[in-house]
C-alpha atoms as a PDB file:
ATOM      1  CA  MET A   1     123.235  78.527  94.430  1.00  0.00           C
ATOM      2  CA  PRO A   2     122.310  81.764  92.575  1.00  0.00           C
ATOM      3  CA  ASP A   3     119.749  79.833  90.494  1.00  0.00           C
ATOM      4  CA  GLU A   4     118.148  78.572  93.700  1.00  0.00           C
ATOM      5  CA  ALA A   5     117.933  82.119  95.088  1.00  0.00           C
ATOM      6  CA  ARG A   6     116.390  83.313  91.834  1.00  0.00           C
ATOM      7  CA  SER A   7     113.863  80.462  91.813  1.00  0.00           C
ATOM      8  CA  ALA A   8     112.898  81.131  95.423  1.00  0.00           C
ATOM      9  CA  ALA A   9     112.489  84.838  94.657  1.00  0.00           C
ATOM     10  CA  GLU A  10     110.372  84.102  91.575  1.00  0.00           C
ATOM     11  CA  GLU A  11     108.144  81.717  93.547  1.00  0.00           C
ATOM     12  CA  SER A  12     107.717  84.302  96.276  1.00  0.00           C
ATOM     13  CA  LEU A  13     106.778  86.936  93.701  1.00  0.00           C
ATOM     14  CA  VAL A  14     104.233  84.613  92.066  1.00  0.00           C
ATOM     15  CA  ARG A  15     102.640  83.986  95.482  1.00  0.00           C
ATOM     16  CA  LYS A  16     102.365  87.742  96.059  1.00  0.00           C
ATOM     17  CA  LEU A  17     100.847  88.229  92.618  1.00  0.00           C
ATOM     18  CA  ARG A  18      98.180  85.617  93.390  1.00  0.00           C
ATOM     19  CA  THR A  19      96.832  87.760  96.212  1.00  0.00           C
ATOM     20  CA  ARG A  20      97.349  91.257  94.778  1.00  0.00           C
ATOM     21  CA  SER A  21      98.429  92.864  91.547  1.00  0.00           C
ATOM     22  CA  LEU A  22     101.798  94.549  91.853  1.00  0.00           C
ATOM     23  CA  SER A  23     103.385  97.370  89.939  1.00  0.00           C
ATOM     24  CA  ILE A  24     106.807  96.782  88.418  1.00  0.00           C
ATOM     25  CA  SER A  25     108.270  99.002  91.140  1.00  0.00           C
ATOM     26  CA  GLU A  26     106.599  96.942  93.894  1.00  0.00           C
ATOM     27  CA  ALA A  27     107.787  93.696  92.287  1.00  0.00           C
ATOM     28  CA  ARG A  28     111.328  95.061  92.038  1.00  0.00           C
ATOM     29  CA  GLN A  29     111.189  95.981  95.753  1.00  0.00           C
ATOM     30  CA  ALA A  30     109.959  92.481  96.653  1.00  0.00           C
ATOM     31  CA  LEU A  31     112.804  90.901  94.680  1.00  0.00           C
ATOM     32  CA  ARG A  32     115.388  93.126  96.384  1.00  0.00           C
ATOM     33  CA  GLY A  33     114.319  91.570  99.668  1.00  0.00           C
ATOM     34  CA  HIS A  34     115.720  88.256  98.427  1.00  0.00           C
ATOM     35  CA  GLY A  35     119.229  89.610  98.022  1.00  0.00           C
ATOM     36  CA  LEU A  36     119.350  89.335  94.238  1.00  0.00           C
ATOM     37  CA  GLY A  37     121.639  91.543  92.196  1.00  0.00           C
ATOM     38  CA  ASN A  38     120.207  94.284  89.996  1.00  0.00           C
ATOM     39  CA  GLY A  39     120.984  92.362  86.807  1.00  0.00           C
ATOM     40  CA  VAL A  40     119.074  89.290  88.003  1.00  0.00           C
ATOM     41  CA  ILE A  41     116.176  91.446  89.229  1.00  0.00           C
ATOM     42  CA  ASP A  42     115.986  93.116  85.805  1.00  0.00           C
ATOM     43  CA  GLU A  43     115.900  89.703  84.107  1.00  0.00           C
ATOM     44  CA  VAL A  44     113.099  88.460  86.381  1.00  0.00           C
ATOM     45  CA  ILE A  45     111.091  91.671  85.867  1.00  0.00           C
ATOM     46  CA  GLU A  46     111.557  91.419  82.098  1.00  0.00           C
ATOM     47  CA  ASP A  47     110.429  87.788  82.158  1.00  0.00           C
ATOM     48  CA  PHE A  48     107.346  88.581  84.270  1.00  0.00           C
ATOM     49  CA  CYS A  49     106.442  91.512  81.978  1.00  0.00           C
ATOM     50  CA  ARG A  50     106.823  89.307  78.904  1.00  0.00           C
ATOM     51  CA  ARG A  51     104.454  86.762  80.481  1.00  0.00           C
ATOM     52  CA  ALA A  52     102.057  89.650  81.362  1.00  0.00           C
ATOM     53  CA  TYR A  53     102.313  88.912  85.083  1.00  0.00           C
ATOM     54  CA  LEU A  54     103.376  92.538  85.501  1.00  0.00           C
ATOM     55  CA  ASP A  55     101.761  95.327  83.506  1.00  0.00           C
ATOM     56  CA  ASP A  56     101.753  98.845  84.945  1.00  0.00           C
ATOM     57  CA  ALA A  57      99.321 100.146  82.309  1.00  0.00           C
ATOM     58  CA  ALA A  58      96.741  97.439  83.019  1.00  0.00           C
ATOM     59  CA  LEU A  59      97.185  97.877  86.771  1.00  0.00           C
ATOM     60  CA  ALA A  60      96.778 101.659  86.519  1.00  0.00           C
ATOM     61  CA  SER A  61      93.643 101.274  84.426  1.00  0.00           C
ATOM     62  CA  ALA A  62      92.133  98.799  86.912  1.00  0.00           C
ATOM     63  CA  LEU A  63      92.992 101.012  89.889  1.00  0.00           C
ATOM     64  CA  VAL A  64      91.475 104.083  88.215  1.00  0.00           C
ATOM     65  CA  THR A  65      88.271 102.191  87.427  1.00  0.00           C
ATOM     66  CA  SER A  66      88.069 100.831  90.969  1.00  0.00           C
ATOM     67  CA  GLY A  67      88.843 104.205  92.525  1.00  0.00           C
ATOM     68  CA  VAL A  68      86.107 105.909  90.545  1.00  0.00           C
ATOM     69  CA  GLU A  69      83.393 103.251  90.726  1.00  0.00           C
ATOM     70  CA  ARG A  70      83.878 101.913  94.253  1.00  0.00           C
ATOM     71  CA  LYS A  71      85.487 104.790  96.106  1.00  0.00           C
ATOM     72  CA  GLY A  72      84.226 107.844  94.231  1.00  0.00           C
ATOM     73  CA  GLN A  73      87.731 109.287  94.008  1.00  0.00           C
ATOM     74  CA  GLY A  74      88.711 112.316  91.971  1.00  0.00           C
ATOM     75  CA  ARG A  75      91.718 112.701  89.720  1.00  0.00           C
ATOM     76  CA  VAL A  76      94.042 114.037  92.407  1.00  0.00           C
ATOM     77  CA  ALA A  77      93.433 111.104  94.760  1.00  0.00           C
ATOM     78  CA  LEU A  78      93.735 108.620  91.898  1.00  0.00           C
ATOM     79  CA  ALA A  79      97.030 110.119  90.725  1.00  0.00           C
ATOM     80  CA  ARG A  80      98.365 110.041  94.288  1.00  0.00           C
ATOM     81  CA  ALA A  81      97.337 106.402  94.799  1.00  0.00           C
ATOM     82  CA  LEU A  82      98.986 105.312  91.541  1.00  0.00           C
ATOM     83  CA  ALA A  83     102.174 107.240  92.324  1.00  0.00           C
ATOM     84  CA  GLN A  84     102.336 105.582  95.760  1.00  0.00           C
ATOM     85  CA  ARG A  85     102.290 102.214  94.014  1.00  0.00           C
ATOM     86  CA  GLY A  86     105.360 103.274  91.996  1.00  0.00           C
ATOM     87  CA  ILE A  87     103.601 103.553  88.665  1.00  0.00           C
ATOM     88  CA  PRO A  88     105.469 105.930  86.317  1.00  0.00           C
ATOM     89  CA  ARG A  89     103.942 109.368  85.709  1.00  0.00           C
ATOM     90  CA  ASP A  90     103.370 108.820  81.971  1.00  0.00           C
ATOM     91  CA  VAL A  91     101.417 105.617  82.702  1.00  0.00           C
ATOM     92  CA  VAL A  92      99.393 107.434  85.395  1.00  0.00           C
ATOM     93  CA  ASP A  93      98.587 110.256  82.958  1.00  0.00           C
ATOM     94  CA  ALA A  94      97.507 107.781  80.274  1.00  0.00           C
ATOM     95  CA  ALA A  95      95.204 105.960  82.716  1.00  0.00           C
ATOM     96  CA  LEU A  96      93.655 109.229  83.906  1.00  0.00           C
ATOM     97  CA  ASP A  97      93.179 110.378  80.302  1.00  0.00           C
ATOM     98  CA  GLU A  98      90.855 107.390  79.801  1.00  0.00           C
ATOM     99  CA  LEU A  99      88.486 108.849  82.407  1.00  0.00           C
ATOM    100  CA  PRO A 100      85.553 110.812  81.129  1.00  0.00           C
ATOM    101  CA  ASP A 101      85.857 114.425  82.209  1.00  0.00           C
ATOM    102  CA  ASP A 102      83.021 114.208  84.736  1.00  0.00           C
ATOM    103  CA  ASP A 103      84.725 115.080  88.025  1.00  0.00           C
ATOM    104  CA  ASP A 104      81.905 117.583  88.645  1.00  0.00           C
ATOM    105  CA  GLU A 105      79.220 114.914  88.325  1.00  0.00           C
ATOM    106  CA  ARG A 106      81.096 112.342  90.436  1.00  0.00           C
ATOM    107  CA  ALA A 107      81.735 114.945  93.142  1.00  0.00           C
ATOM    108  CA  LEU A 108      78.070 115.961  93.172  1.00  0.00           C
ATOM    109  CA  GLU A 109      76.961 112.330  93.370  1.00  0.00           C
ATOM    110  CA  PHE A 110      79.249 111.732  96.362  1.00  0.00           C
ATOM    111  CA  ALA A 111      78.176 115.025  97.983  1.00  0.00           C
ATOM    112  CA  ARG A 112      74.503 114.092  97.688  1.00  0.00           C
ATOM    113  CA  THR A 113      75.072 110.841  99.578  1.00  0.00           C
ATOM    114  CA  LYS A 114      76.888 112.664 102.390  1.00  0.00           C
ATOM    115  CA  ALA A 115      74.722 115.802 102.578  1.00  0.00           C
ATOM    116  CA  ARG A 116      71.776 113.994 104.215  1.00  0.00           C
ATOM    117  CA  SER A 117      73.891 113.000 107.206  1.00  0.00           C
ATOM    118  CA  LEU A 118      74.937 116.636 107.694  1.00  0.00           C
ATOM    119  CA  SER A 119      71.389 118.051 107.748  1.00  0.00           C
ATOM    120  CA  ARG A 120      71.379 118.503 111.539  1.00  0.00           C
ATOM    121  CA  LEU A 121      74.323 120.930 111.322  1.00  0.00           C
ATOM    122  CA  ASP A 122      74.182 124.612 110.490  1.00  0.00           C
ATOM    123  CA  ASN A 123      74.841 125.363 106.850  1.00  0.00           C
ATOM    124  CA  ASP A 124      78.397 126.736 107.279  1.00  0.00           C
ATOM    125  CA  THR A 125      79.541 123.716 109.305  1.00  0.00           C
ATOM    126  CA  ALA A 126      77.886 121.275 106.909  1.00  0.00           C
ATOM    127  CA  LEU A 127      79.484 123.030 103.939  1.00  0.00           C
ATOM    128  CA  ARG A 128      82.946 123.031 105.551  1.00  0.00           C
ATOM    129  CA  ARG A 129      82.722 119.318 106.407  1.00  0.00           C
ATOM    130  CA  LEU A 130      81.383 118.314 103.011  1.00  0.00           C
ATOM    131  CA  VAL A 131      84.058 120.290 101.153  1.00  0.00           C
ATOM    132  CA  GLY A 132      86.647 118.598 103.392  1.00  0.00           C
ATOM    133  CA  GLN A 133      85.303 115.145 102.571  1.00  0.00           C
ATOM    134  CA  LEU A 134      85.342 115.904  98.861  1.00  0.00           C
ATOM    135  CA  SER A 135      88.863 117.325  99.058  1.00  0.00           C
ATOM    136  CA  ARG A 136      90.109 114.186 100.806  1.00  0.00           C
ATOM    137  CA  ARG A 137      88.573 112.184  97.957  1.00  0.00           C
ATOM    138  CA  GLY A 138      90.780 114.112  95.557  1.00  0.00           C
ATOM    139  CA  TYR A 139      88.465 116.752  94.125  1.00  0.00           C
ATOM    140  CA  ASN A 140      89.967 120.197  93.643  1.00  0.00           C
ATOM    141  CA  GLY A 141      88.668 123.140  95.658  1.00  0.00           C
ATOM    142  CA  SER A 142      86.291 124.669  93.126  1.00  0.00           C
ATOM    143  CA  VAL A 143      84.741 121.317  92.175  1.00  0.00           C
ATOM    144  CA  ALA A 144      84.346 120.387  95.852  1.00  0.00           C
ATOM    145  CA  MET A 145      82.778 123.747  96.774  1.00  0.00           C
ATOM    146  CA  LYS A 146      80.340 123.721  93.857  1.00  0.00           C
ATOM    147  CA  ALA A 147      79.230 120.130  94.521  1.00  0.00           C
ATOM    148  CA  ALA A 148      78.894 120.691  98.281  1.00  0.00           C
ATOM    149  CA  LYS A 149      76.792 123.836  97.863  1.00  0.00           C
ATOM    150  CA  GLN A 150      74.472 122.194  95.354  1.00  0.00           C
ATOM    151  CA  ALA A 151      74.051 119.007  97.406  1.00  0.00           C
ATOM    152  CA  LEU A 152      73.270 120.989 100.553  1.00  0.00           C
ATOM    153  CA  ARG A 153      70.751 123.123  98.649  1.00  0.00           C
ATOM    154  CA  GLU A 154      69.013 119.975  97.419  1.00  0.00           C
ATOM    155  CA  THR A 155      68.765 118.227 100.787  1.00  0.00           C
ATOM    156  CA  GLY A 156      67.443 118.739 104.243  1.00  0.00           C
ATOM    157  CA  PRO A 157      65.458 121.492 105.906  1.00  0.00           C
ATOM    158  CA  SER A 158      67.987 124.117 104.849  1.00  0.00           C
ATOM    159  CA  ALA A 159      66.785 123.610 101.276  1.00  0.00           C
ATOM    160  CA  SER A 160      63.409 125.028 102.206  1.00  0.00           C
ATOM    161  CA  SER A 161      64.284 127.288 105.142  1.00  0.00           C
ATOM    162  CA  SER A 162      67.307 129.224 104.061  1.00  0.00           C
ATOM    163  CA  GLY A 163      67.298 132.940 104.688  1.00  0.00           C
ATOM    164  CA  VAL A 164      64.391 135.347 104.933  1.00  0.00           C
ATOM    165  CA  ARG A 165      60.885 134.342 103.917  1.00  0.00           C
ATOM    166  CA  PHE A 166      58.330 136.657 102.485  1.00  0.00           C
ATOM    167  CA  VAL A 167      54.739 135.681 103.089  1.00  0.00           C
ATOM    168  CA  ASP A 168      52.093 136.667 100.608  1.00  0.00           C
ATOM    169  CA  SER A 169      49.330 138.432 102.544  1.00  0.00           C
ATOM    170  CA  ASP A 170      46.568 137.896 100.000  1.00  0.00           C
END
């Protein structure tokens, strides 16, 4: 009977892995739902790791790449997302170390795409909202503020009509 429970749990895990990559922690949680003992769960996890069905480092690397390229996320948001998936801190740090140190450029790129839609707002409101959007994407405060200010300077009527104008009377 225990072999049948293990086989059913393994089959269930394989089905889950066909639809979505899982961290070792997520796989362990899925196996617990089948009522297996810790020793059996460890054996299954070891077997799946040996077959490369489970690989936290590869998963972390893929999630970092996806988060940066598709979602424009910063390091903080990426670290949070990986931690939520149960990926160990050292693996998270290694995956983030692979990133080029261009948070400033990624933040500015994201800010430029959002700044146009905020052009109808006054500058303070637009700045506050844009910094908020960048912060939720995982950029730290100084990076978010710098990118938001630059993007707002570059776009919209505020770029040409900010402050006092002096007219040359010649």
